[in-house]
Each structure stands twice: as C-alpha cells, then as structure tokens.
Amino acid sequence: MRRADGEEFLLHVEIANNNATDMPLRMLRYYTDIRFAGHPRQIRQFLIYIGADRLTMPAGLDELGLLDYRYRLVDMHQGHLEKFKVSLQNKEAPLCPCA
C-alpha cells in the first residue's frame, strides 16, 4: 500500500469472531513471518473484532518491560470501525469489510 504522502507499507487485517487468548501471540507471529519473508517497510496491523461477546482481548503484548508489541484493535460494536475506515486512504477502503 502507499499513503498519500508516498510512504509505502504493508496492511495486515485480521478478523476475529471470538476472544482468542492467543491472538496477541498470533499477531506477533504474523508480524515476524512477514519480516522473515523480507518485507522491509512499515507493517500496519489491524484486528477487527466482530464477535457477539464483549471484547476482552488485549491489543498486544507487554512482558515485564522486555517486549512491547502493539497492533490496532477495532471493535465493530463500539463504533471504532468508523475510525478504522477514516484512517485508511481511499484506495485502501475496499479492504475494509464494511466499505
């Protein structure tokens, strides 16, 4: 993807319909898999939660100050999906499942 200012990045969107306790580790694994595959530019990760239960998953990992990893967590039930849509450039909007 390319922002309006020309900055290139990879957009990774994951959709979850339940509160998976291992999701932060999975998202980190996806991040490292992308890096090991050779992607040198910025990676933007979004997890869109569409489950019926209240969202309880964290938006990353923090392990005793040794690891601080974060991704954007969008809860469609809290109106955050609109913020997600606004944060994407026009050419990226079709990637949003509600666009």
N, C-alpha and C. Protein backbone atom coordinates (compact mmCIF):
# COMPACT_ATOMS: atom_id res chain seq x y z
N MET A 1 0.84 -1.16 0.00
CA MET A 1 0.00 0.00 0.00
C MET A 1 0.90 1.23 0.00
N ARG A 2 0.30 2.34 -0.39
CA ARG A 2 1.05 3.60 -0.40
C ARG A 2 0.15 4.70 0.14
N ARG A 3 0.67 5.43 1.14
CA ARG A 3 -0.08 6.56 1.68
C ARG A 3 -0.06 7.71 0.68
N ALA A 4 -0.88 8.70 0.93
CA ALA A 4 -0.95 9.86 0.04
C ALA A 4 0.40 10.58 -0.04
N ASP A 5 1.18 10.53 1.05
CA ASP A 5 2.49 11.19 1.05
C ASP A 5 3.59 10.34 0.42
N GLY A 6 3.22 9.16 -0.11
CA GLY A 6 4.17 8.30 -0.80
C GLY A 6 4.77 7.20 0.05
N GLU A 7 4.55 7.24 1.36
CA GLU A 7 5.10 6.20 2.24
C GLU A 7 4.45 4.86 1.93
N GLU A 8 5.29 3.84 1.72
CA GLU A 8 4.79 2.51 1.42
C GLU A 8 4.72 1.70 2.71
N PHE A 9 3.72 0.83 2.79
CA PHE A 9 3.57 -0.03 3.95
C PHE A 9 2.76 -1.26 3.55
N LEU A 10 2.83 -2.27 4.39
CA LEU A 10 2.04 -3.46 4.19
C LEU A 10 0.88 -3.40 5.18
N LEU A 11 -0.32 -3.63 4.71
CA LEU A 11 -1.51 -3.62 5.55
C LEU A 11 -1.93 -5.05 5.83
N HIS A 12 -1.94 -5.41 7.11
CA HIS A 12 -2.37 -6.75 7.52
C HIS A 12 -3.65 -6.59 8.34
N VAL A 13 -4.75 -7.18 7.86
CA VAL A 13 -6.04 -7.10 8.54
C VAL A 13 -6.46 -8.52 8.92
N GLU A 14 -6.73 -8.69 10.18
CA GLU A 14 -7.21 -9.97 10.70
C GLU A 14 -8.61 -9.74 11.26
N ILE A 15 -9.51 -10.68 11.04
CA ILE A 15 -10.88 -10.57 11.55
C ILE A 15 -11.11 -11.71 12.54
N ALA A 16 -11.60 -11.37 13.74
CA ALA A 16 -11.84 -12.38 14.77
C ALA A 16 -13.29 -12.33 15.21
N ASN A 17 -13.88 -13.51 15.39
CA ASN A 17 -15.26 -13.55 15.86
C ASN A 17 -15.37 -14.12 17.26
N ASN A 18 -14.22 -14.32 17.93
CA ASN A 18 -14.24 -14.72 19.34
C ASN A 18 -13.00 -14.14 20.03
N ASN A 19 -13.02 -14.18 21.35
CA ASN A 19 -11.91 -13.67 22.15
C ASN A 19 -10.86 -14.77 22.31
N ALA A 20 -9.96 -14.84 21.38
CA ALA A 20 -8.91 -15.86 21.40
C ALA A 20 -7.78 -15.40 22.32
N THR A 21 -7.51 -16.19 23.34
CA THR A 21 -6.48 -15.81 24.30
C THR A 21 -5.09 -15.75 23.68
N ASP A 22 -4.88 -16.48 22.59
CA ASP A 22 -3.57 -16.49 21.94
C ASP A 22 -3.44 -15.46 20.82
N MET A 23 -4.44 -14.62 20.62
CA MET A 23 -4.41 -13.69 19.49
C MET A 23 -3.19 -12.76 19.50
N PRO A 24 -2.79 -12.17 20.63
CA PRO A 24 -1.59 -11.33 20.58
C PRO A 24 -0.35 -12.08 20.10
N LEU A 25 -0.19 -13.31 20.53
CA LEU A 25 0.95 -14.11 20.04
C LEU A 25 0.81 -14.43 18.56
N ARG A 26 -0.40 -14.71 18.13
CA ARG A 26 -0.62 -14.98 16.70
C ARG A 26 -0.31 -13.76 15.86
N MET A 27 -0.76 -12.60 16.31
CA MET A 27 -0.49 -11.37 15.56
C MET A 27 1.02 -11.09 15.51
N LEU A 28 1.71 -11.34 16.62
CA LEU A 28 3.16 -11.17 16.63
C LEU A 28 3.83 -12.16 15.68
N ARG A 29 3.32 -13.39 15.65
CA ARG A 29 3.87 -14.38 14.72
C ARG A 29 3.67 -13.94 13.27
N TYR A 30 2.48 -13.41 12.96
CA TYR A 30 2.25 -12.91 11.60
C TYR A 30 3.24 -11.80 11.27
N TYR A 31 3.46 -10.90 12.24
CA TYR A 31 4.41 -9.80 12.04
C TYR A 31 5.81 -10.34 11.74
N THR A 32 6.27 -11.28 12.56
CA THR A 32 7.62 -11.80 12.34
C THR A 32 7.70 -12.63 11.07
N ASP A 33 6.64 -13.35 10.72
CA ASP A 33 6.63 -14.10 9.45
C ASP A 33 6.79 -13.14 8.27
N ILE A 34 6.11 -12.01 8.32
CA ILE A 34 6.22 -11.02 7.25
C ILE A 34 7.64 -10.48 7.17
N ARG A 35 8.22 -10.17 8.34
CA ARG A 35 9.60 -9.67 8.37
C ARG A 35 10.58 -10.72 7.84
N PHE A 36 10.44 -11.97 8.29
CA PHE A 36 11.34 -13.02 7.81
C PHE A 36 11.18 -13.28 6.32
N ALA A 37 10.02 -12.97 5.77
CA ALA A 37 9.80 -13.12 4.33
C ALA A 37 10.50 -12.01 3.54
N GLY A 38 11.02 -11.01 4.26
CA GLY A 38 11.81 -9.98 3.60
C GLY A 38 11.14 -8.64 3.41
N HIS A 39 9.97 -8.43 3.98
CA HIS A 39 9.31 -7.13 3.82
C HIS A 39 10.04 -6.08 4.66
N PRO A 40 10.66 -5.08 4.03
CA PRO A 40 11.49 -4.13 4.78
C PRO A 40 10.74 -2.89 5.29
N ARG A 41 9.58 -2.64 4.77
CA ARG A 41 8.89 -1.39 5.11
C ARG A 41 7.96 -1.56 6.31
N GLN A 42 7.31 -0.47 6.65
CA GLN A 42 6.39 -0.47 7.78
C GLN A 42 5.26 -1.49 7.59
N ILE A 43 4.87 -2.13 8.67
CA ILE A 43 3.74 -3.06 8.67
C ILE A 43 2.68 -2.49 9.58
N ARG A 44 1.49 -2.32 9.06
CA ARG A 44 0.36 -1.85 9.86
C ARG A 44 -0.60 -3.01 10.06
N GLN A 45 -0.82 -3.35 11.31
CA GLN A 45 -1.68 -4.48 11.62
C GLN A 45 -2.96 -4.01 12.31
N PHE A 46 -4.07 -4.58 11.87
CA PHE A 46 -5.38 -4.30 12.46
C PHE A 46 -6.07 -5.62 12.76
N LEU A 47 -6.66 -5.71 13.92
CA LEU A 47 -7.52 -6.83 14.26
C LEU A 47 -8.92 -6.27 14.42
N ILE A 48 -9.84 -6.74 13.59
CA ILE A 48 -11.23 -6.29 13.66
C ILE A 48 -12.03 -7.36 14.38
N TYR A 49 -12.63 -6.97 15.51
CA TYR A 49 -13.40 -7.91 16.31
C TYR A 49 -14.88 -7.82 15.93
N ILE A 50 -15.47 -8.95 15.52
CA ILE A 50 -16.87 -8.97 15.11
C ILE A 50 -17.71 -9.93 15.95
N GLY A 51 -17.12 -10.45 17.03
CA GLY A 51 -17.81 -11.44 17.85
C GLY A 51 -19.01 -10.89 18.59
N ALA A 52 -19.89 -11.81 19.02
CA ALA A 52 -21.10 -11.43 19.75
C ALA A 52 -20.80 -11.07 21.20
N ASP A 53 -19.77 -11.70 21.80
CA ASP A 53 -19.42 -11.41 23.19
C ASP A 53 -18.66 -10.09 23.29
N ARG A 54 -18.63 -9.54 24.49
CA ARG A 54 -17.87 -8.32 24.75
C ARG A 54 -16.39 -8.58 24.46
N LEU A 55 -15.73 -7.63 23.83
CA LEU A 55 -14.31 -7.76 23.51
C LEU A 55 -13.48 -7.76 24.78
N THR A 56 -12.65 -8.77 24.94
CA THR A 56 -11.76 -8.85 26.10
C THR A 56 -10.30 -9.07 25.71
N MET A 57 -10.02 -9.20 24.44
CA MET A 57 -8.63 -9.43 24.00
C MET A 57 -7.82 -8.15 24.13
N PRO A 58 -6.55 -8.28 24.52
CA PRO A 58 -5.67 -7.11 24.52
C PRO A 58 -5.21 -6.78 23.11
N ALA A 59 -4.68 -5.59 22.94
CA ALA A 59 -4.20 -5.13 21.63
C ALA A 59 -2.69 -5.25 21.53
N GLY A 60 -2.14 -6.30 22.12
CA GLY A 60 -0.71 -6.50 22.03
C GLY A 60 -0.17 -7.28 23.21
N LEU A 61 1.15 -7.22 23.36
CA LEU A 61 1.85 -7.92 24.43
C LEU A 61 2.77 -6.97 25.16
N ASP A 62 2.83 -7.12 26.47
CA ASP A 62 3.79 -6.38 27.29
C ASP A 62 4.28 -7.35 28.34
N GLU A 63 5.51 -7.79 28.20
CA GLU A 63 6.06 -8.79 29.11
C GLU A 63 7.19 -8.20 29.93
N LEU A 64 6.83 -7.72 31.13
CA LEU A 64 7.80 -7.24 32.11
C LEU A 64 8.82 -6.26 31.54
N GLY A 65 8.37 -5.41 30.66
CA GLY A 65 9.26 -4.42 30.08
C GLY A 65 10.25 -4.98 29.07
N LEU A 66 10.18 -6.26 28.78
CA LEU A 66 11.10 -6.87 27.82
C LEU A 66 10.55 -6.85 26.40
N LEU A 67 9.22 -6.86 26.29
CA LEU A 67 8.57 -6.89 24.99
C LEU A 67 7.38 -5.95 25.01
N ASP A 68 7.35 -5.03 24.09
CA ASP A 68 6.21 -4.12 23.96
C ASP A 68 5.77 -4.15 22.51
N TYR A 69 4.74 -4.92 22.23
CA TYR A 69 4.25 -5.12 20.87
C TYR A 69 2.77 -4.73 20.83
N ARG A 70 2.39 -3.93 19.84
CA ARG A 70 1.02 -3.44 19.73
C ARG A 70 0.52 -3.52 18.30
N TYR A 71 -0.79 -3.68 18.18
CA TYR A 71 -1.49 -3.59 16.90
C TYR A 71 -2.80 -2.87 17.16
N ARG A 72 -3.42 -2.37 16.10
CA ARG A 72 -4.71 -1.68 16.26
C ARG A 72 -5.80 -2.71 16.42
N LEU A 73 -6.62 -2.53 17.45
CA LEU A 73 -7.74 -3.42 17.72
C LEU A 73 -9.02 -2.63 17.52
N VAL A 74 -9.85 -3.08 16.60
CA VAL A 74 -11.08 -2.37 16.22
C VAL A 74 -12.28 -3.22 16.64
N ASP A 75 -13.08 -2.69 17.55
CA ASP A 75 -14.30 -3.38 18.00
C ASP A 75 -15.47 -2.79 17.23
N MET A 76 -16.02 -3.56 16.31
CA MET A 76 -17.10 -3.03 15.47
C MET A 76 -18.34 -2.66 16.29
N HIS A 77 -18.47 -3.20 17.50
CA HIS A 77 -19.63 -2.91 18.33
C HIS A 77 -19.52 -1.59 19.07
N GLN A 78 -18.34 -1.00 19.08
CA GLN A 78 -18.11 0.25 19.80
C GLN A 78 -18.00 1.46 18.88
N GLY A 79 -18.33 1.30 17.63
CA GLY A 79 -18.24 2.42 16.69
C GLY A 79 -16.83 2.70 16.22
N HIS A 80 -15.86 1.86 16.59
CA HIS A 80 -14.48 2.07 16.19
C HIS A 80 -14.25 1.76 14.73
N LEU A 81 -15.16 1.07 14.11
CA LEU A 81 -14.99 0.73 12.71
C LEU A 81 -14.97 2.00 11.85
N GLU A 82 -15.75 3.00 12.24
CA GLU A 82 -15.71 4.26 11.51
C GLU A 82 -14.33 4.89 11.57
N LYS A 83 -13.68 4.85 12.74
CA LYS A 83 -12.33 5.39 12.87
C LYS A 83 -11.37 4.60 11.98
N PHE A 84 -11.55 3.28 11.91
CA PHE A 84 -10.70 2.45 11.06
C PHE A 84 -10.86 2.87 9.60
N LYS A 85 -12.10 3.04 9.16
CA LYS A 85 -12.35 3.44 7.77
C LYS A 85 -11.73 4.78 7.47
N VAL A 86 -11.82 5.73 8.39
CA VAL A 86 -11.27 7.05 8.18
C VAL A 86 -9.75 6.99 8.13
N SER A 87 -9.13 6.09 8.90
CA SER A 87 -7.68 6.02 8.95
C SER A 87 -7.07 5.44 7.67
N LEU A 88 -7.86 4.79 6.87
CA LEU A 88 -7.36 4.22 5.62
C LEU A 88 -7.46 5.24 4.49
N GLN A 89 -6.54 5.16 3.57
CA GLN A 89 -6.61 6.02 2.39
C GLN A 89 -7.72 5.52 1.48
N ASN A 90 -8.23 6.36 0.60
CA ASN A 90 -9.33 5.99 -0.28
C ASN A 90 -9.06 4.71 -1.05
N LYS A 91 -7.85 4.53 -1.54
CA LYS A 91 -7.57 3.34 -2.34
C LYS A 91 -7.52 2.08 -1.48
N GLU A 92 -7.41 2.23 -0.16
CA GLU A 92 -7.38 1.09 0.73
C GLU A 92 -8.78 0.72 1.23
N ALA A 93 -9.72 1.63 1.11
CA ALA A 93 -11.06 1.43 1.68
C ALA A 93 -11.71 0.11 1.26
N PRO A 94 -11.52 -0.38 0.04
CA PRO A 94 -12.14 -1.67 -0.30
C PRO A 94 -11.66 -2.83 0.56
N LEU A 95 -10.52 -2.67 1.24
CA LEU A 95 -10.04 -3.73 2.13
C LEU A 95 -10.87 -3.79 3.41
N CYS A 96 -11.57 -2.73 3.72
CA CYS A 96 -12.39 -2.70 4.91
C CYS A 96 -13.67 -3.47 4.63
N PRO A 97 -14.02 -4.47 5.43
CA PRO A 97 -15.18 -5.30 5.12
C PRO A 97 -16.50 -4.57 5.15
N CYS A 98 -16.52 -3.35 5.65
CA CYS A 98 -17.79 -2.62 5.71
C CYS A 98 -17.84 -1.48 4.69
N ALA A 99 -16.81 -1.32 3.90
CA ALA A 99 -16.78 -0.20 2.94
C ALA A 99 -17.74 -0.44 1.79
